[in-house]
Amino acid sequence: MSDPLQGISKLLQKGALIHNPSSVYIGQEVDINRLSGKGMVIYPGCRIMGEKSLILEGAKLGGEGPVSLQNCQLGPHVELKGGSFKNSVFLENSSMGASAQVREACILEESASGAHSVGLKQTILFPFVTLGSLINFCDCLMAGGTSRKNHSEVGSSYIHFNYTPNQDKATPSLIGDVPRGVMLDQRPIFLGGQGGLIGPSRIGFGNVVAAGSILHEDLLEENRLISSFPSKERNKEFNPGLYLNIKKRVINNIIYCANLVALRHWYKDIRSQFFQSNVLGKELYKAAVEKLDLALDERMKRMKELVENLHNATKTYHKILQKETVSFTQMKEIIENWQAIEDIFYNSKDASITLPGKERFIEKIAEEKRKQGCQYLKVIQGLDKNWREMGTEWLEAIVHGIKIKVFQRIPSFQ
């Protein structure tokens, strides 16, 4: 597109409502054919950039402040009220408030939302997950909840701590999980405001964390009310580069990445059926899978950086502790086997997982889609318990299979 004004004119012709067109910028690289126009509303001060930009019908941009959109893909009726959005996917009816900063490889699924001043990167929110205001929630996958009235929520002023004193970011946190979370029938998770989660951590479904709590440990037991207390070790020596306990870090990264792989299979075999109604829908699906690939790439990159740090840490370990412990054995194992472990994850992305229930489950979804139409949430939530359990077993088999292969390489972590 050589003339940005021509692009605005074409959008108006396609049915978009653009308040003050002279204040809206559309980059020359943007393909107007990838912008639906139908029912779109664009408020003053908005910018759309990037050749991969994709916007479906009914999207609204800039209702509470200017929006800068770069190579993002928006499903039907997405509302981005203000802020900066880059290389991320927003599925139907998802929304973000003013002053948001959503960076690379985020996926907000149906009706997921954030209030004002929310920062995300490498984050996946399942349907209905709701974020309050003034939140930094990078490197997370969060599931739970069954509707907009019964949803997982993160309270205002919450932080996911994803950077360690040893300067690595192998810290993704899994809040809920993929195999059960995709069935949209689990109890919601609540993380109270003015709190924080130190990654990498895992939290089970149905848990409620009291406001002001800073969580350090995994909370895998479900349906609990949790609050944190000040550590007894208020002041102790810190040795840069010394990793005294990497077991939790490595295991949680492995489980997080295995869940990413399971989610990619879910998109490939199940969600793909709901994006095929038109060309733009297929492009939205491709963009979502691309973000899942980017998410796995990011986690592999961060783990590789951690492994490099561990290689240097072995010298520090001997110097300070002057002995070998289980932690030292674990460091050696992960250093020596990391490349093979990385290959396991990448080889699992497209590997065919043959299970008795998998094909039956896929056929059941196709059958329900023919009956009920292309309504993802309705179809999934309309499944009875036996079908949901069958789908969950398939995805859990993917996660479990990856874990077995990885732990065969690093047996001391079991």
Protein backbone atom coordinates (compact mmCIF):
# COMPACT_ATOMS: atom_id res chain seq x y z
CA MET A 1 0.00 0.00 0.00
CA SER A 2 1.75 3.15 -1.18
CA ASP A 3 -0.61 5.76 0.29
CA PRO A 4 -1.69 5.50 3.98
CA LEU A 5 -4.68 7.75 3.30
CA GLN A 6 -5.79 5.35 0.61
CA GLY A 7 -5.79 2.58 3.22
CA ILE A 8 -7.99 4.63 5.53
CA SER A 9 -10.35 5.34 2.63
CA LYS A 10 -10.61 1.62 1.85
CA LEU A 11 -11.36 0.80 5.50
CA LEU A 12 -14.16 3.38 5.51
CA GLN A 13 -15.56 1.81 2.36
CA LYS A 14 -15.46 -1.63 4.03
CA GLY A 15 -17.62 -0.37 6.90
CA ALA A 16 -15.14 0.86 9.50
CA LEU A 17 -16.03 3.83 11.68
CA ILE A 18 -12.91 6.00 12.01
CA HIS A 19 -13.20 9.03 14.25
CA ASN A 20 -11.00 11.82 12.87
CA PRO A 21 -9.35 9.82 10.03
CA SER A 22 -6.56 12.39 9.68
CA SER A 23 -5.22 11.38 13.13
CA VAL A 24 -5.02 7.66 12.29
CA TYR A 25 -1.86 6.16 10.78
CA ILE A 26 -1.77 2.94 8.76
CA GLY A 27 1.70 1.82 7.68
CA GLN A 28 2.44 1.39 4.00
CA GLU A 29 3.38 -2.24 4.64
CA VAL A 30 -0.09 -3.10 6.01
CA ASP A 31 -2.24 -5.29 3.75
CA ILE A 32 -5.71 -3.73 3.87
CA ASN A 33 -7.18 -7.03 2.70
CA ARG A 34 -6.21 -8.43 6.14
CA LEU A 35 -8.32 -5.76 7.91
CA SER A 36 -11.99 -6.71 7.85
CA GLY A 37 -13.35 -3.19 8.26
CA LYS A 38 -16.83 -4.51 9.01
CA GLY A 39 -17.98 -3.07 12.32
CA MET A 40 -14.49 -1.80 13.20
CA VAL A 41 -14.20 1.34 15.30
CA ILE A 42 -10.94 3.31 15.37
CA TYR A 43 -10.62 6.32 17.66
CA PRO A 44 -8.19 9.24 17.17
CA GLY A 45 -4.45 8.75 17.56
CA CYS A 46 -4.25 5.07 16.61
CA ARG A 47 -1.48 3.44 14.56
CA ILE A 48 -1.60 0.12 12.71
CA MET A 49 1.77 -1.17 11.49
CA GLY A 50 3.36 -4.39 10.24
CA GLU A 51 2.75 -6.63 7.27
CA LYS A 52 1.41 -9.40 9.53
CA SER A 53 -1.33 -7.21 11.03
CA LEU A 54 -4.74 -8.86 10.95
CA ILE A 55 -8.02 -7.45 12.28
CA LEU A 56 -11.39 -9.20 12.07
CA GLU A 57 -14.87 -7.72 12.27
CA GLY A 58 -16.08 -5.64 15.17
CA ALA A 59 -12.69 -4.77 16.64
CA LYS A 60 -12.39 -1.48 18.55
CA LEU A 61 -9.16 0.45 18.96
CA GLY A 62 -8.37 3.42 21.19
CA GLY A 63 -11.54 3.94 23.22
CA GLU A 64 -9.57 5.22 26.24
CA GLY A 65 -6.34 6.43 24.61
CA PRO A 66 -4.13 6.03 21.55
CA VAL A 67 -3.31 2.48 20.40
CA SER A 68 -0.09 1.42 18.69
CA LEU A 69 -0.61 -1.93 16.98
CA GLN A 70 2.33 -3.74 15.35
CA ASN A 71 2.02 -7.16 13.72
CA CYS A 72 -0.85 -8.21 15.98
CA GLN A 73 -3.76 -10.43 15.02
CA LEU A 74 -7.20 -9.58 16.41
CA GLY A 75 -10.21 -11.88 16.32
CA PRO A 76 -13.84 -10.71 16.18
CA HIS A 77 -14.97 -8.02 18.62
CA VAL A 78 -11.62 -7.53 20.33
CA GLU A 79 -11.32 -4.23 22.17
CA LEU A 80 -7.92 -2.64 22.82
CA LYS A 81 -8.67 0.58 24.65
CA GLY A 82 -5.20 2.10 24.76
CA GLY A 83 -1.51 1.26 24.78
CA SER A 84 1.15 -0.56 22.83
CA PHE A 85 0.62 -4.04 21.35
CA LYS A 86 3.23 -6.04 19.44
CA ASN A 87 3.41 -9.51 17.84
CA SER A 88 0.54 -10.96 19.86
CA VAL A 89 -2.84 -12.62 19.25
CA PHE A 90 -6.20 -11.61 20.72
CA LEU A 91 -9.11 -14.01 20.22
CA GLU A 92 -12.81 -13.20 20.16
CA ASN A 93 -14.11 -10.71 22.76
CA SER A 94 -10.77 -10.35 24.54
CA SER A 95 -9.91 -6.85 25.73
CA MET A 96 -7.28 -4.64 27.33
CA GLY A 97 -7.69 -1.30 29.12
CA ALA A 98 -5.75 1.93 28.69
CA SER A 99 -1.95 2.18 28.99
CA ALA A 100 -1.40 -1.52 28.31
CA GLN A 101 1.94 -2.83 27.08
CA VAL A 102 1.55 -6.23 25.46
CA ARG A 103 4.79 -7.42 23.89
CA GLU A 104 5.85 -10.48 21.91
CA ALA A 105 4.22 -13.91 21.89
CA CYS A 106 1.13 -13.28 24.00
CA ILE A 107 -2.17 -15.04 23.38
CA LEU A 108 -5.37 -13.78 25.00
CA GLU A 109 -8.06 -16.36 24.35
CA GLU A 110 -11.80 -15.71 24.25
CA SER A 111 -13.05 -13.08 26.71
CA ALA A 112 -9.71 -12.84 28.52
CA SER A 113 -9.15 -9.29 29.68
CA GLY A 114 -6.98 -6.79 31.47
CA ALA A 115 -7.82 -3.44 33.05
CA HIS A 116 -5.57 -0.38 32.75
CA SER A 117 -1.74 -0.37 32.90
CA VAL A 118 -1.13 -4.08 32.39
CA GLY A 119 2.25 -5.33 31.11
CA LEU A 120 2.48 -8.72 29.38
CA LYS A 121 5.12 -10.60 27.40
CA GLN A 122 5.28 -14.32 26.55
CA THR A 123 1.97 -14.73 28.41
CA ILE A 124 -0.99 -16.99 27.56
CA LEU A 125 -4.39 -16.35 29.16
CA PHE A 126 -7.09 -18.98 28.69
CA PRO A 127 -10.74 -17.95 28.17
CA PHE A 128 -12.27 -15.66 30.79
CA VAL A 129 -9.03 -15.01 32.73
CA THR A 130 -9.16 -11.46 34.06
CA LEU A 131 -6.32 -9.18 35.12
CA GLY A 132 -6.83 -6.11 37.30
CA SER A 133 -4.92 -2.83 36.98
CA LEU A 134 -1.23 -1.96 37.44
CA ILE A 135 -0.01 -5.50 36.79
CA ASN A 136 3.23 -6.95 35.44
CA PHE A 137 2.52 -10.52 34.41
CA CYS A 138 5.16 -11.70 31.91
CA ASP A 139 6.12 -15.35 31.26
CA CYS A 140 2.94 -16.96 32.57
CA LEU A 141 0.26 -19.36 31.40
CA MET A 142 -2.99 -19.04 33.34
CA ALA A 143 -6.15 -21.15 33.09
CA GLY A 144 -9.24 -21.78 35.22
CA GLY A 145 -12.85 -20.68 35.32
CA THR A 146 -15.97 -21.42 33.31
CA SER A 147 -17.45 -18.04 32.34
CA ARG A 148 -17.12 -14.28 32.64
CA LYS A 149 -18.83 -14.55 36.04
CA ASN A 150 -16.71 -17.47 37.24
CA HIS A 151 -13.19 -16.67 36.10
CA SER A 152 -9.59 -16.85 37.25
CA GLU A 153 -8.40 -13.42 38.30
CA VAL A 154 -5.21 -11.56 39.18
CA GLY A 155 -5.76 -8.66 41.57
CA SER A 156 -4.47 -5.15 40.97
CA SER A 157 -0.82 -4.27 41.61
CA TYR A 158 0.34 -7.85 41.13
CA ILE A 159 3.81 -8.84 39.90
CA HIS A 160 5.18 -12.03 38.45
CA PHE A 161 8.88 -11.92 39.35
CA ASN A 162 10.60 -13.39 36.29
CA TYR A 163 14.22 -12.24 36.69
CA THR A 164 16.62 -13.76 39.20
CA PRO A 165 19.58 -12.28 41.11
CA ASN A 166 21.78 -14.55 38.98
CA GLN A 167 20.43 -12.72 35.92
CA ASP A 168 18.52 -15.48 34.19
CA LYS A 169 14.88 -15.66 33.10
CA ALA A 170 14.23 -19.40 33.12
CA THR A 171 11.24 -18.53 35.26
CA PRO A 172 7.86 -19.28 33.59
CA SER A 173 4.96 -19.97 35.92
CA LEU A 174 2.09 -22.37 35.22
CA ILE A 175 -1.14 -21.28 36.90
CA GLY A 176 -3.53 -24.15 36.33
CA ASP A 177 -2.51 -26.41 33.44
CA VAL A 178 -3.26 -27.15 29.79
CA PRO A 179 -4.80 -30.67 29.83
CA ARG A 180 -7.60 -29.73 32.24
CA GLY A 181 -7.65 -26.00 31.59
CA VAL A 182 -8.69 -26.32 27.94
CA MET A 183 -11.87 -28.13 28.99
CA LEU A 184 -13.13 -24.90 30.59
CA ASP A 185 -14.61 -26.74 33.57
CA GLN A 186 -12.07 -26.14 36.34
CA ARG A 187 -12.49 -23.98 39.43
CA PRO A 188 -10.96 -20.52 39.05
CA ILE A 189 -7.70 -19.40 40.60
CA PHE A 190 -7.50 -16.08 42.45
CA LEU A 191 -4.24 -14.22 43.05
CA GLY A 192 -4.93 -11.40 45.48
CA GLY A 193 -3.82 -7.86 44.75
CA GLN A 194 -0.66 -6.17 46.04
CA GLY A 195 0.99 -9.57 45.81
CA GLY A 196 3.56 -11.42 43.77
CA LEU A 197 4.62 -14.80 42.43
CA ILE A 198 8.28 -15.76 42.14
CA GLY A 199 8.80 -17.81 39.01
CA PRO A 200 9.07 -20.53 38.05
CA SER A 201 6.09 -21.69 40.10
CA ARG A 202 3.01 -23.86 39.70
CA ILE A 203 -0.41 -23.24 41.22
CA GLY A 204 -3.32 -25.70 41.25
CA PHE A 205 -6.91 -25.01 40.27
CA GLY A 206 -9.31 -23.57 42.83
CA ASN A 207 -6.63 -21.93 44.96
CA VAL A 208 -7.16 -18.49 46.48
CA VAL A 209 -4.08 -16.50 47.46
CA ALA A 210 -4.65 -13.72 50.00
CA ALA A 211 -3.92 -10.13 49.03
CA GLY A 212 -0.40 -8.98 49.82
CA SER A 213 1.12 -12.47 49.65
CA ILE A 214 4.44 -13.11 47.93
CA LEU A 215 4.56 -16.76 46.86
CA HIS A 216 7.89 -18.62 46.69
CA GLU A 217 6.71 -22.24 46.53
CA ASP A 218 4.55 -24.39 44.29
CA LEU A 219 0.93 -24.75 45.42
CA LEU A 220 -0.17 -27.97 43.75
CA GLU A 221 -2.80 -28.97 46.30
CA GLU A 222 -6.09 -27.54 45.07
CA ASN A 223 -8.98 -25.56 46.57
CA ARG A 224 -6.92 -23.97 49.32
CA LEU A 225 -6.75 -20.49 50.86
CA ILE A 226 -3.11 -19.43 51.07
CA SER A 227 -1.26 -16.52 52.60
CA SER A 228 2.48 -15.97 52.88
CA PHE A 229 4.51 -15.02 55.92
CA PRO A 230 7.87 -13.25 56.29
CA SER A 231 10.86 -15.53 55.94
CA LYS A 232 12.77 -16.38 59.09
CA GLU A 233 16.00 -15.86 57.17
CA ARG A 234 15.74 -12.08 56.96
CA ASN A 235 19.43 -11.42 56.39
CA LYS A 236 21.95 -13.92 55.04
CA GLU A 237 25.00 -14.07 52.79
CA PHE A 238 24.43 -13.88 49.02
CA ASN A 239 26.96 -15.43 46.64
CA PRO A 240 26.43 -14.30 43.03
CA GLY A 241 26.48 -17.14 40.55
CA LEU A 242 25.86 -19.85 43.16
CA TYR A 243 22.86 -22.09 42.45
CA LEU A 244 22.17 -24.09 45.61
CA ASN A 245 18.93 -25.73 44.47
CA ILE A 246 18.07 -25.95 40.78
CA LYS A 247 15.68 -28.91 40.99
CA LYS A 248 12.48 -26.85 41.27
CA ARG A 249 13.69 -24.45 38.60
CA VAL A 250 14.45 -27.16 36.05
CA ILE A 251 11.39 -29.32 36.76
CA ASN A 252 8.98 -26.39 36.51
CA ASN A 253 10.52 -25.30 33.21
CA ILE A 254 10.18 -28.83 31.85
CA ILE A 255 6.52 -29.05 32.90
CA TYR A 256 5.76 -25.58 31.56
CA CYS A 257 7.29 -26.39 28.17
CA ALA A 258 5.53 -29.75 28.03
CA ASN A 259 2.24 -27.91 28.60
CA LEU A 260 3.11 -25.54 25.75
CA VAL A 261 3.63 -28.53 23.47
CA ALA A 262 0.29 -30.01 24.59
CA LEU A 263 -1.42 -26.69 23.89
CA ARG A 264 0.09 -26.61 20.42
CA HIS A 265 -1.38 -30.07 19.73
CA TRP A 266 -4.73 -28.81 21.02
CA TYR A 267 -4.60 -25.91 18.59
CA LYS A 268 -3.52 -28.16 15.71
CA ASP A 269 -6.14 -30.87 16.21
CA ILE A 270 -9.04 -29.10 17.94
CA ARG A 271 -8.95 -25.33 17.69
CA SER A 272 -8.02 -25.42 14.01
CA GLN A 273 -11.53 -26.70 13.27
CA PHE A 274 -13.00 -23.41 14.51
CA PHE A 275 -10.87 -21.05 12.39
CA GLN A 276 -11.71 -22.42 8.95
CA SER A 277 -14.84 -20.40 8.12
CA ASN A 278 -12.95 -17.78 6.07
CA VAL A 279 -9.49 -16.77 4.87
CA LEU A 280 -8.92 -14.29 7.70
CA GLY A 281 -9.90 -16.91 10.27
CA LYS A 282 -7.28 -19.28 8.90
CA GLU A 283 -4.70 -16.50 9.12
CA LEU A 284 -5.69 -15.87 12.75
CA TYR A 285 -5.14 -19.56 13.51
CA LYS A 286 -1.71 -19.53 11.85
CA ALA A 287 -0.78 -16.48 13.92
CA ALA A 288 -1.82 -18.18 17.17
CA VAL A 289 0.28 -21.28 16.41
CA GLU A 290 3.19 -19.01 15.51
CA LYS A 291 2.94 -17.40 18.95
CA LEU A 292 3.02 -20.82 20.60
CA ASP A 293 6.18 -21.60 18.64
CA LEU A 294 7.67 -18.29 19.74
CA ALA A 295 6.74 -19.09 23.34
CA LEU A 296 8.59 -22.42 23.18
CA ASP A 297 11.57 -20.77 21.49
CA GLU A 298 11.71 -18.22 24.31
CA ARG A 299 11.67 -20.89 26.99
CA MET A 300 14.40 -22.89 25.23
CA LYS A 301 16.49 -19.74 24.91
CA ARG A 302 16.10 -18.90 28.61
CA MET A 303 16.91 -22.45 29.68
CA LYS A 304 20.01 -22.46 27.48
CA GLU A 305 21.12 -19.24 29.19
CA LEU A 306 20.55 -20.90 32.57
CA VAL A 307 22.60 -23.92 31.49
CA GLU A 308 25.44 -21.61 30.48
CA ASN A 309 25.23 -19.95 33.90
CA LEU A 310 25.31 -23.37 35.56
CA HIS A 311 28.46 -24.25 33.65
CA ASN A 312 30.17 -21.24 35.24
CA ALA A 313 28.52 -21.95 38.58
CA THR A 314 30.24 -25.30 38.94
CA LYS A 315 33.51 -23.44 39.56
CA THR A 316 31.86 -21.15 42.13
CA TYR A 317 30.28 -24.17 43.75
CA HIS A 318 33.63 -25.88 44.40
CA LYS A 319 35.22 -22.65 45.58
CA ILE A 320 32.56 -21.84 48.17
CA LEU A 321 31.25 -25.23 49.30
CA GLN A 322 34.38 -27.30 48.60
CA LYS A 323 32.34 -30.46 48.16
CA GLU A 324 29.94 -32.13 45.75
CA THR A 325 26.28 -32.49 46.64
CA VAL A 326 23.09 -33.57 44.90
CA SER A 327 22.75 -30.07 43.46
CA PHE A 328 26.17 -30.35 41.86
CA THR A 329 25.23 -33.70 40.29
CA GLN A 330 22.06 -32.15 38.94
CA MET A 331 23.97 -29.24 37.43
CA LYS A 332 26.33 -31.64 35.65
CA GLU A 333 23.40 -33.66 34.30
CA ILE A 334 21.55 -30.70 32.86
CA ILE A 335 24.74 -29.23 31.36
CA GLU A 336 25.69 -32.50 29.65
CA ASN A 337 22.19 -33.31 28.40
CA TRP A 338 20.65 -29.97 27.58
CA GLN A 339 20.95 -30.25 23.79
CA ALA A 340 19.25 -33.65 23.81
CA ILE A 341 16.49 -32.28 26.05
CA GLU A 342 15.92 -29.32 23.74
CA ASP A 343 15.61 -31.77 20.82
CA ILE A 344 12.95 -33.71 22.73
CA PHE A 345 10.75 -30.63 22.98
CA TYR A 346 11.13 -29.59 19.35
CA ASN A 347 10.61 -33.13 18.09
CA SER A 348 7.43 -33.38 20.19
CA LYS A 349 5.78 -30.32 18.63
CA ASP A 350 4.52 -32.13 15.55
CA ALA A 351 4.93 -35.74 16.64
CA SER A 352 1.79 -37.82 16.26
CA ILE A 353 0.61 -39.04 19.67
CA THR A 354 -1.31 -42.27 19.06
CA LEU A 355 -3.85 -42.93 21.78
CA PRO A 356 -7.11 -44.90 21.67
CA GLY A 357 -9.20 -41.89 22.65
CA LYS A 358 -7.49 -39.18 20.62
CA GLU A 359 -9.12 -39.77 17.24
CA ARG A 360 -12.51 -40.41 18.83
CA PHE A 361 -12.23 -37.13 20.72
CA ILE A 362 -11.27 -35.19 17.57
CA GLU A 363 -14.20 -36.76 15.69
CA LYS A 364 -16.54 -35.85 18.56
CA ILE A 365 -15.48 -32.20 18.37
CA ALA A 366 -16.06 -32.19 14.60
CA GLU A 367 -19.50 -33.73 15.11
CA GLU A 368 -20.50 -31.17 17.76
CA LYS A 369 -19.20 -28.35 15.56
CA ARG A 370 -21.46 -29.53 12.72
CA LYS A 371 -24.43 -29.55 15.11
CA GLN A 372 -23.78 -26.32 17.01
CA GLY A 373 -21.84 -24.25 14.51
CA CYS A 374 -18.42 -22.69 14.74
CA GLN A 375 -18.70 -21.77 18.45
CA TYR A 376 -15.62 -22.98 20.26
CA LEU A 377 -16.66 -22.18 23.83
CA LYS A 378 -20.15 -23.65 23.38
CA VAL A 379 -18.84 -26.86 21.85
CA ILE A 380 -16.16 -27.46 24.49
CA GLN A 381 -18.39 -26.63 27.44
CA GLY A 382 -21.17 -28.77 25.97
CA LEU A 383 -19.10 -31.95 26.23
CA ASP A 384 -20.11 -34.38 28.95
CA LYS A 385 -17.70 -35.48 31.65
CA ASN A 386 -16.56 -38.64 29.87
CA TRP A 387 -15.59 -36.78 26.70
CA ARG A 388 -13.77 -34.07 28.67
CA GLU A 389 -11.84 -36.74 30.57
CA MET A 390 -10.89 -38.42 27.29
CA GLY A 391 -9.53 -35.14 25.91
CA THR A 392 -7.65 -34.43 29.12
CA GLU A 393 -6.07 -37.92 29.11
CA TRP A 394 -4.79 -37.32 25.58
CA LEU A 395 -3.13 -34.01 26.53
CA GLU A 396 -1.81 -35.38 29.82
CA ALA A 397 -0.21 -38.22 27.84
CA ILE A 398 1.68 -35.64 25.80
CA VAL A 399 2.94 -33.88 28.93
CA HIS A 400 3.78 -37.15 30.67
CA GLY A 401 5.53 -38.59 27.63
CA ILE A 402 7.81 -35.58 27.35
CA LYS A 403 8.59 -35.70 31.06
CA ILE A 404 9.59 -39.38 30.86
CA LYS A 405 11.96 -38.75 27.94
CA VAL A 406 13.54 -35.76 29.65
CA PHE A 407 13.97 -37.42 33.05
CA GLN A 408 15.62 -40.39 31.39
CA ARG A 409 18.36 -37.90 30.49
CA ILE A 410 18.52 -36.34 33.96
CA PRO A 411 17.56 -39.10 36.43
CA SER A 412 18.76 -37.25 39.54
CA PHE A 413 15.86 -34.77 39.13
CA GLN A 414 13.20 -37.42 39.68
